[in-house]
Protein backbone atom coordinates (compact mmCIF):
# COMPACT_ATOMS: atom_id res chain seq x y z
CA MET A 1 -8.78 35.50 -7.26
CA ILE A 2 -8.42 32.91 -4.39
CA GLN A 3 -4.91 31.13 -3.80
CA ARG A 4 -5.60 27.50 -3.24
CA GLU A 5 -3.08 25.03 -1.71
CA ILE A 6 -2.80 21.85 -1.66
CA THR A 7 -2.60 19.77 1.53
CA VAL A 8 -0.21 16.77 1.21
CA LEU A 9 -0.11 13.59 3.45
CA THR A 10 3.00 11.46 3.91
CA ASP A 11 4.07 8.95 5.99
CA ILE A 12 0.31 7.07 5.04
CA ALA A 13 -0.67 3.86 4.45
CA LEU A 14 -3.16 1.91 2.40
CA ILE A 15 -4.91 -1.47 4.52
CA THR A 16 -7.06 -3.22 1.74
CA CYS A 17 -8.92 -6.50 3.48
CA ILE A 18 -11.15 -8.55 1.32
CA VAL A 19 -13.53 -10.61 3.07
CA GLN A 20 -16.82 -12.66 2.74
CA ARG A 21 -19.93 -10.42 1.99
CA GLY A 22 -21.41 -9.17 5.03
CA VAL A 23 -18.62 -9.09 7.63
CA ALA A 24 -16.91 -5.69 6.66
CA ASP A 25 -19.19 -4.01 9.41
CA ASP A 26 -17.57 -5.47 12.22
CA ILE A 27 -14.00 -4.96 10.36
CA ILE A 28 -14.80 -1.04 9.97
CA GLN A 29 -15.82 -1.05 13.52
CA ALA A 30 -12.79 -2.24 14.75
CA ALA A 31 -10.56 -0.21 12.79
CA ARG A 32 -12.20 2.91 13.85
CA GLU A 33 -12.05 1.92 17.67
CA ALA A 34 -8.51 1.45 16.75
CA GLY A 35 -8.27 5.09 15.50
CA ALA A 36 -8.83 4.82 11.89
CA GLN A 37 -10.90 7.62 10.70
CA GLY A 38 -13.07 6.06 8.16
CA ALA A 39 -13.54 3.50 5.26
CA THR A 40 -14.59 2.88 1.69
CA VAL A 41 -16.02 -0.44 0.77
CA TYR A 42 -16.79 -1.82 -2.12
CA PHE A 43 -18.36 -5.22 -3.38
CA ALA A 44 -16.33 -7.73 -5.71
CA ARG A 45 -16.64 -10.88 -7.15
CA GLY A 46 -13.99 -13.44 -6.22
CA MET A 47 -12.42 -15.53 -8.98
CA GLY A 48 -10.64 -19.02 -9.13
CA ILE A 49 -11.25 -22.16 -7.25
CA ARG A 50 -14.87 -21.54 -6.12
CA GLU A 51 -16.29 -24.36 -4.30
CA ARG A 52 -13.28 -25.64 -1.79
CA LEU A 53 -10.32 -24.36 -0.21
CA GLY A 54 -7.54 -27.16 -0.53
CA ILE A 55 -8.25 -30.18 1.68
CA LEU A 56 -9.93 -28.74 4.38
CA GLY A 57 -12.87 -28.40 2.41
CA VAL A 58 -13.89 -25.40 3.56
CA SER A 59 -16.67 -23.56 1.21
CA VAL A 60 -15.69 -20.17 0.01
CA GLU A 61 -18.24 -17.45 -1.01
CA VAL A 62 -17.62 -15.66 -4.05
CA GLU A 63 -19.18 -12.64 -3.15
CA LYS A 64 -16.63 -10.11 -1.49
CA GLU A 65 -16.43 -7.32 0.31
CA VAL A 66 -13.41 -4.98 0.13
CA ILE A 67 -12.43 -2.46 2.58
CA GLU A 68 -10.30 0.07 2.33
CA ILE A 69 -8.53 2.89 5.33
CA VAL A 70 -5.96 5.20 4.91
CA VAL A 71 -3.92 5.63 7.87
CA SER A 72 -0.59 7.34 9.42
CA LYS A 73 2.45 4.96 9.75
CA GLU A 74 1.91 5.22 13.75
CA GLN A 75 -1.57 3.69 13.09
CA VAL A 76 -1.26 1.22 11.07
CA GLU A 77 0.10 -1.86 12.67
CA ARG A 78 -2.37 -0.87 15.41
CA VAL A 79 -5.16 -0.58 12.96
CA PHE A 80 -4.08 -3.85 10.86
CA GLU A 81 -4.31 -6.22 13.96
CA ARG A 82 -7.28 -5.05 15.15
CA MET A 83 -8.94 -5.53 11.69
CA TYR A 84 -7.37 -9.11 11.27
CA LEU A 85 -8.61 -10.32 14.27
CA ALA A 86 -12.32 -8.68 13.89
CA GLY A 87 -12.35 -10.56 10.60
CA ASN A 88 -11.24 -13.67 12.02
CA LEU A 89 -8.71 -13.89 9.15
CA ASP A 90 -6.78 -16.76 11.00
CA THR A 91 -9.57 -18.96 9.77
CA PRO A 92 -9.16 -20.95 6.32
CA GLY A 93 -11.50 -19.11 3.67
CA MET A 94 -12.28 -15.91 5.78
CA GLY A 95 -10.41 -13.38 3.54
CA ILE A 96 -7.05 -11.79 2.91
CA MET A 97 -5.35 -8.28 3.93
CA TYR A 98 -2.40 -6.24 3.13
CA ILE A 99 -0.78 -3.12 3.29
CA THR A 100 0.67 -0.76 0.50
CA PRO A 101 2.59 2.22 1.29
CA LEU A 102 1.69 5.65 -0.25
CA ASP A 103 4.04 8.25 -1.26
CA LYS A 104 1.56 10.72 -0.95
CA ALA A 105 -2.49 11.59 -0.85
CA ALA A 106 -4.27 14.76 -1.00
CA THR A 107 -7.42 15.88 1.00
CA PHE A 108 -9.43 18.75 2.53
CA ILE A 109 -7.88 18.99 5.98
CA PRO A 110 -9.43 22.18 8.33
CA PRO A 111 -7.42 24.47 9.32
CA GLU A 112 -7.78 24.26 12.56
CA VAL A 113 -6.20 20.60 12.45
CA LEU A 114 -3.28 21.96 10.31
CA LYS A 115 -2.52 24.28 12.87
CA LYS A 116 -2.02 21.59 16.08
CA PHE A 117 0.49 20.03 13.09
CA SER A 118 2.52 23.00 11.93
């Protein structure tokens, strides 16, 4: 019988970014350049005030892309900043980002990578 072990990752965080549809590719590229290994993207629909955003009168689209990226705590600030800038999130109506600390996660990690950290 094969002995199976769970490789648990700690000291990680989940960055979630919700943006207008069609913007995710640029944000993911910036995150990868900052050290992120990959991303999960899915489509969503926004709820709430759809036609106008405040007194600025900025049109906000209903269709959204949600980007989720798991990164180490050492990378989180760098990746977060690059994603924010790439998505122009300092512009009204462009989206929102937040960081969720994760207690632990598990995935396959090649043995040669594990040896480097042991």
